[in-house]
Amino acid sequence: LAGGLKGVARSMPTSSAVDRVAAALGIPCYETPTGWKYFGNLMDAGMLSLCGEESFGTGSDHIREKDGIWAMLAWLSILDLKWRHNGQHALVPVADILAQHWRTYGRDFYTRWDFESLPASAGDEIMRRLRLLTPNSPERSSSTPAALAAAGSRAAAAVRAHLGPDAAAVFDEFEYVDPVDGSVATRQGVRMALPDGSRAVFRLSGTGSSGATLRLYVQKYEAEPERHGDDVQETVKGLVEAALAVAAVEEITGRREPTVIT
């Protein structure tokens, strides 16, 4: 990376914290579907230096794959740089480095809730209902005006109930046009976005004999330093509850709690 960063990329469900850093540095930032192959195209085209995804994979363009050893060396390089420039030649804790970063760019509180081993029919029904809220989806096009109005009213009521009487959200489904080869990836996850930058993302994966997995990714941005030390799950609680209510997860699956919280 001695020549500087050519660009950075993250998978769509991943926290958008890197977007703000890229904007401040004036370098390109790419939002891709989940899957390392999308990063590989950007690397091969010389457009990408750093990338990462929500499952903690990260790497650089020295290889077209995740590299945990590189990630550890990158952090050691950061610690060495801070040690050399702190004026006291003392180790700067990672927690202090994070706190300084958040003071500069704000903190994105982020969590992932996985509902594993769902019946495929339940996962499909959740996504069908969510797609009724997204523009130009086949599910929306084939529904009656009355059904669409009812779906919109239910979603709006759920958002207001958990986030306040003035809260409102917009919905879309992520679609990616590869800037290298022009290929298109559709139906890559339904997004619920709020005006303050908070968002929830729903993705369904795996429909084999072990069942489907519904993943809910939630992100809430906080600029105020005095809130940066708050508990993650408490900070995103209202947004999680709103997202689960919009998707009717308990109604459809009978589950109140996820299998895994990350």
Protein backbone atom coordinates (compact mmCIF):
# COMPACT_ATOMS: atom_id res chain seq x y z
CA LEU A 1 0.00 0.00 0.00
CA ALA A 2 3.03 2.28 -0.24
CA GLY A 3 1.57 3.92 -3.32
CA GLY A 4 -1.68 4.80 -1.57
CA LEU A 5 -5.16 3.36 -1.70
CA LYS A 6 -6.70 2.83 -5.12
CA GLY A 7 -10.12 2.22 -3.61
CA VAL A 8 -11.95 0.32 -0.89
CA ALA A 9 -14.97 -1.98 -0.98
CA ARG A 10 -17.42 -3.64 1.37
CA SER A 11 -20.28 -6.04 0.92
CA MET A 12 -23.68 -4.34 1.08
CA PRO A 13 -24.75 -5.73 4.50
CA THR A 14 -21.45 -4.64 6.06
CA SER A 15 -21.38 -1.48 8.17
CA SER A 16 -20.92 1.63 6.04
CA ALA A 17 -18.28 3.07 8.39
CA VAL A 18 -15.63 2.76 5.68
CA ASP A 19 -17.74 4.93 3.36
CA ARG A 20 -17.17 7.99 5.54
CA VAL A 21 -13.42 7.40 5.71
CA ALA A 22 -13.23 6.96 1.94
CA ALA A 23 -15.20 10.16 1.40
CA ALA A 24 -12.83 12.07 3.70
CA LEU A 25 -9.80 10.68 1.84
CA GLY A 26 -11.33 11.30 -1.58
CA ILE A 27 -10.98 7.69 -2.77
CA PRO A 28 -13.58 5.41 -4.41
CA CYS A 29 -15.71 3.16 -2.21
CA TYR A 30 -17.60 0.25 -3.77
CA GLU A 31 -20.66 -1.47 -2.29
CA THR A 32 -20.93 -5.04 -3.61
CA PRO A 33 -23.12 -8.08 -3.07
CA THR A 34 -21.95 -10.66 -0.56
CA GLY A 35 -19.31 -12.90 -2.15
CA TRP A 36 -15.57 -12.47 -2.57
CA LYS A 37 -15.76 -12.82 -6.36
CA TYR A 38 -17.10 -9.26 -6.59
CA PHE A 39 -14.00 -7.95 -4.83
CA GLY A 40 -11.84 -10.06 -7.14
CA ASN A 41 -13.15 -8.30 -10.24
CA LEU A 42 -12.30 -4.91 -8.77
CA MET A 43 -8.85 -6.11 -7.73
CA ASP A 44 -8.07 -7.50 -11.19
CA ALA A 45 -9.07 -4.17 -12.71
CA GLY A 46 -6.71 -2.26 -10.42
CA MET A 47 -9.58 -0.43 -8.71
CA LEU A 48 -9.31 -1.83 -5.20
CA SER A 49 -6.72 -1.96 -2.40
CA LEU A 50 -8.74 -2.91 0.72
CA CYS A 51 -11.96 -4.86 1.13
CA GLY A 52 -14.05 -6.56 3.77
CA GLU A 53 -17.36 -8.29 4.37
CA GLU A 54 -19.80 -8.70 7.24
CA SER A 55 -18.56 -12.21 8.12
CA PHE A 56 -15.23 -10.66 9.17
CA GLY A 57 -13.28 -11.58 6.04
CA THR A 58 -10.84 -8.87 5.01
CA GLY A 59 -7.87 -8.49 2.74
CA SER A 60 -5.90 -6.49 0.18
CA ASP A 61 -5.09 -6.84 -3.49
CA HIS A 62 -1.95 -8.92 -2.97
CA ILE A 63 -4.17 -12.02 -3.34
CA ARG A 64 -7.75 -12.51 -4.53
CA GLU A 65 -8.90 -14.08 -1.26
CA LYS A 66 -9.42 -13.37 2.45
CA ASP A 67 -6.18 -13.26 4.40
CA GLY A 68 -6.31 -13.46 8.20
CA ILE A 69 -2.52 -13.26 8.53
CA TRP A 70 -2.51 -10.05 6.50
CA ALA A 71 -5.27 -8.63 8.73
CA MET A 72 -3.21 -9.31 11.86
CA LEU A 73 -0.12 -7.76 10.28
CA ALA A 74 -2.17 -4.72 9.27
CA TRP A 75 -3.23 -4.18 12.88
CA LEU A 76 0.36 -4.64 14.08
CA SER A 77 1.43 -2.00 11.56
CA ILE A 78 -1.19 0.39 12.93
CA LEU A 79 -0.01 -0.25 16.50
CA ASP A 80 3.61 0.31 15.43
CA LEU A 81 2.71 3.59 13.70
CA LYS A 82 0.84 4.84 16.77
CA TRP A 83 3.73 3.81 19.01
CA ARG A 84 6.21 5.75 16.87
CA HIS A 85 4.12 8.90 16.74
CA ASN A 86 2.58 9.22 20.20
CA GLY A 87 5.60 11.11 21.58
CA GLN A 88 6.06 8.74 24.51
CA HIS A 89 7.16 5.57 22.72
CA ALA A 90 4.49 3.63 24.58
CA LEU A 91 2.01 1.16 23.23
CA VAL A 92 -1.35 2.77 22.35
CA PRO A 93 -4.18 0.35 23.19
CA VAL A 94 -6.53 -0.71 20.41
CA ALA A 95 -9.43 0.69 22.44
CA ASP A 96 -7.80 4.14 22.35
CA ILE A 97 -7.26 3.91 18.60
CA LEU A 98 -10.93 3.04 18.09
CA ALA A 99 -12.06 5.86 20.36
CA GLN A 100 -10.01 8.37 18.36
CA HIS A 101 -11.38 7.02 15.10
CA TRP A 102 -14.95 7.37 16.39
CA ARG A 103 -14.30 10.94 17.54
CA THR A 104 -13.23 11.76 13.99
CA TYR A 105 -15.80 9.83 11.97
CA GLY A 106 -18.54 8.81 14.41
CA ARG A 107 -19.41 5.27 15.46
CA ASP A 108 -21.60 2.79 13.61
CA PHE A 109 -23.27 0.47 16.12
CA TYR A 110 -23.75 -2.78 14.25
CA THR A 111 -25.20 -6.23 14.89
CA ARG A 112 -26.29 -9.31 12.95
CA TRP A 113 -29.15 -11.58 14.02
CA ASP A 114 -29.32 -15.03 12.43
CA PHE A 115 -32.51 -17.11 12.44
CA GLU A 116 -31.24 -20.52 11.40
CA SER A 117 -32.96 -23.74 10.25
CA LEU A 118 -36.18 -22.05 9.22
CA PRO A 119 -38.62 -23.86 6.96
CA ALA A 120 -37.95 -22.65 3.44
CA SER A 121 -41.59 -21.62 3.13
CA ALA A 122 -41.27 -19.33 6.18
CA GLY A 123 -38.16 -17.65 4.82
CA ASP A 124 -39.78 -17.17 1.44
CA GLU A 125 -42.90 -15.64 3.01
CA ILE A 126 -40.85 -13.14 5.01
CA MET A 127 -39.01 -12.00 1.88
CA ARG A 128 -42.25 -11.91 -0.12
CA ARG A 129 -43.82 -9.54 2.38
CA LEU A 130 -40.74 -7.35 2.47
CA ARG A 131 -40.64 -7.15 -1.32
CA LEU A 132 -44.18 -5.79 -1.31
CA LEU A 133 -42.57 -2.65 0.13
CA THR A 134 -39.83 -2.31 -2.50
CA PRO A 135 -40.26 -0.41 -5.79
CA ASN A 136 -40.61 -2.40 -9.04
CA SER A 137 -40.44 -5.87 -7.45
CA PRO A 138 -42.37 -8.71 -9.15
CA GLU A 139 -44.19 -9.29 -5.86
CA ARG A 140 -45.35 -5.68 -5.83
CA SER A 141 -46.33 -5.67 -9.50
CA SER A 142 -48.50 -8.75 -9.08
CA SER A 143 -50.32 -7.49 -5.96
CA THR A 144 -53.56 -5.55 -5.76
CA PRO A 145 -53.61 -1.88 -4.70
CA ALA A 146 -55.47 -2.88 -1.55
CA ALA A 147 -52.80 -5.45 -0.60
CA LEU A 148 -50.03 -2.93 -1.21
CA ALA A 149 -51.79 -0.28 0.85
CA ALA A 150 -52.23 -2.75 3.71
CA ALA A 151 -48.57 -3.80 3.57
CA GLY A 152 -47.41 -0.19 3.59
CA SER A 153 -49.68 0.70 6.50
CA ARG A 154 -48.45 -2.27 8.55
CA ALA A 155 -44.81 -1.38 7.92
CA ALA A 156 -45.31 2.30 8.74
CA ALA A 157 -47.16 1.42 11.96
CA ALA A 158 -44.37 -0.97 13.03
CA VAL A 159 -41.68 1.66 12.44
CA ARG A 160 -43.59 4.32 14.40
CA ALA A 161 -44.39 1.92 17.26
CA HIS A 162 -40.73 1.13 17.90
CA LEU A 163 -38.91 4.27 16.76
CA GLY A 164 -41.32 7.09 17.57
CA PRO A 165 -44.42 8.73 16.11
CA ASP A 166 -42.47 10.73 13.53
CA ALA A 167 -40.26 7.87 12.33
CA ALA A 168 -40.44 6.80 8.70
CA ALA A 169 -38.49 4.33 6.58
CA VAL A 170 -37.97 3.67 2.89
CA PHE A 171 -37.41 0.22 1.39
CA ASP A 172 -35.52 -1.08 -1.60
CA GLU A 173 -33.76 -4.24 -2.76
CA PHE A 174 -30.06 -4.04 -3.53
CA GLU A 175 -29.03 -4.56 -7.14
CA TYR A 176 -25.41 -4.39 -8.27
CA VAL A 177 -24.00 -3.52 -11.67
CA ASP A 178 -20.36 -4.58 -11.79
CA PRO A 179 -18.29 -1.55 -12.92
CA VAL A 180 -15.74 -3.88 -14.52
CA ASP A 181 -17.75 -6.24 -16.73
CA GLY A 182 -21.26 -4.79 -16.55
CA SER A 183 -22.79 -7.97 -15.09
CA VAL A 184 -25.88 -7.48 -12.93
CA ALA A 185 -26.68 -9.16 -9.59
CA THR A 186 -30.32 -8.77 -8.53
CA ARG A 187 -32.36 -9.54 -5.38
CA GLN A 188 -29.34 -9.18 -3.09
CA GLY A 189 -31.21 -8.18 0.07
CA VAL A 190 -34.04 -5.90 1.17
CA ARG A 191 -32.98 -2.68 2.90
CA MET A 192 -34.94 -0.54 5.34
CA ALA A 193 -33.37 2.92 5.59
CA LEU A 194 -34.10 5.82 7.94
CA PRO A 195 -33.24 9.50 7.36
CA ASP A 196 -30.53 9.52 10.06
CA GLY A 197 -28.50 6.85 8.23
CA SER A 198 -29.71 3.96 10.36
CA ARG A 199 -30.69 0.89 8.41
CA ALA A 200 -31.71 -2.76 8.56
CA VAL A 201 -30.94 -5.34 5.88
CA PHE A 202 -32.69 -8.68 5.35
CA ARG A 203 -31.09 -11.55 3.47
CA LEU A 204 -32.22 -15.15 3.06
CA SER A 205 -29.66 -17.87 2.42
CA GLY A 206 -29.63 -21.65 2.21
CA THR A 207 -32.77 -23.56 1.39
CA GLY A 208 -31.42 -27.12 1.59
CA SER A 209 -32.34 -30.01 3.87
CA SER A 210 -31.14 -28.13 6.97
CA GLY A 211 -33.50 -25.25 6.28
CA ALA A 212 -33.08 -21.60 5.45
CA THR A 213 -31.28 -18.87 7.38
CA LEU A 214 -32.71 -15.38 7.67
CA ARG A 215 -30.07 -12.80 8.46
CA LEU A 216 -30.94 -9.38 9.82
CA TYR A 217 -28.17 -6.77 9.79
CA VAL A 218 -28.76 -3.58 11.76
CA GLN A 219 -26.67 -0.40 11.80
CA LYS A 220 -27.17 2.81 13.75
CA TYR A 221 -24.84 5.79 13.36
CA GLU A 222 -23.88 7.93 16.34
CA ALA A 223 -21.84 11.13 15.98
CA GLU A 224 -21.80 12.23 19.63
CA PRO A 225 -18.62 11.06 21.45
CA GLU A 226 -20.39 10.72 24.80
CA ARG A 227 -22.52 7.94 23.30
CA HIS A 228 -19.72 5.98 21.66
CA GLY A 229 -19.25 3.73 24.69
CA ASP A 230 -22.90 2.68 24.88
CA ASP A 231 -23.89 -0.97 24.72
CA VAL A 232 -24.41 -2.13 21.13
CA GLN A 233 -27.56 -4.19 21.65
CA GLU A 234 -29.22 -1.50 23.76
CA THR A 235 -28.36 1.14 21.16
CA VAL A 236 -29.87 -0.79 18.26
CA LYS A 237 -32.77 -2.34 20.22
CA GLY A 238 -35.51 -0.12 18.81
CA LEU A 239 -34.27 -0.53 15.26
CA VAL A 240 -34.07 -4.32 15.64
CA GLU A 241 -37.59 -4.47 17.06
CA ALA A 242 -38.93 -2.29 14.25
CA ALA A 243 -37.25 -4.43 11.60
CA LEU A 244 -38.54 -7.70 13.09
CA ALA A 245 -42.05 -6.26 13.28
CA VAL A 246 -41.95 -5.00 9.69
CA ALA A 247 -40.88 -8.46 8.50
CA ALA A 248 -43.43 -10.22 10.75
CA VAL A 249 -40.70 -12.64 11.83
CA GLU A 250 -42.43 -13.87 14.98
CA GLU A 251 -45.81 -14.15 13.27
CA ILE A 252 -44.39 -16.24 10.42
CA THR A 253 -41.76 -18.32 12.25
CA GLY A 254 -43.04 -18.40 15.84
CA ARG A 255 -39.60 -17.31 17.05
CA ARG A 256 -38.96 -14.38 19.33
CA GLU A 257 -35.16 -14.79 19.51
CA PRO A 258 -32.48 -15.47 16.90
CA THR A 259 -30.22 -18.52 16.89
CA VAL A 260 -27.08 -16.38 16.91
CA ILE A 261 -26.38 -12.71 17.66
CA THR A 262 -23.11 -11.28 16.36
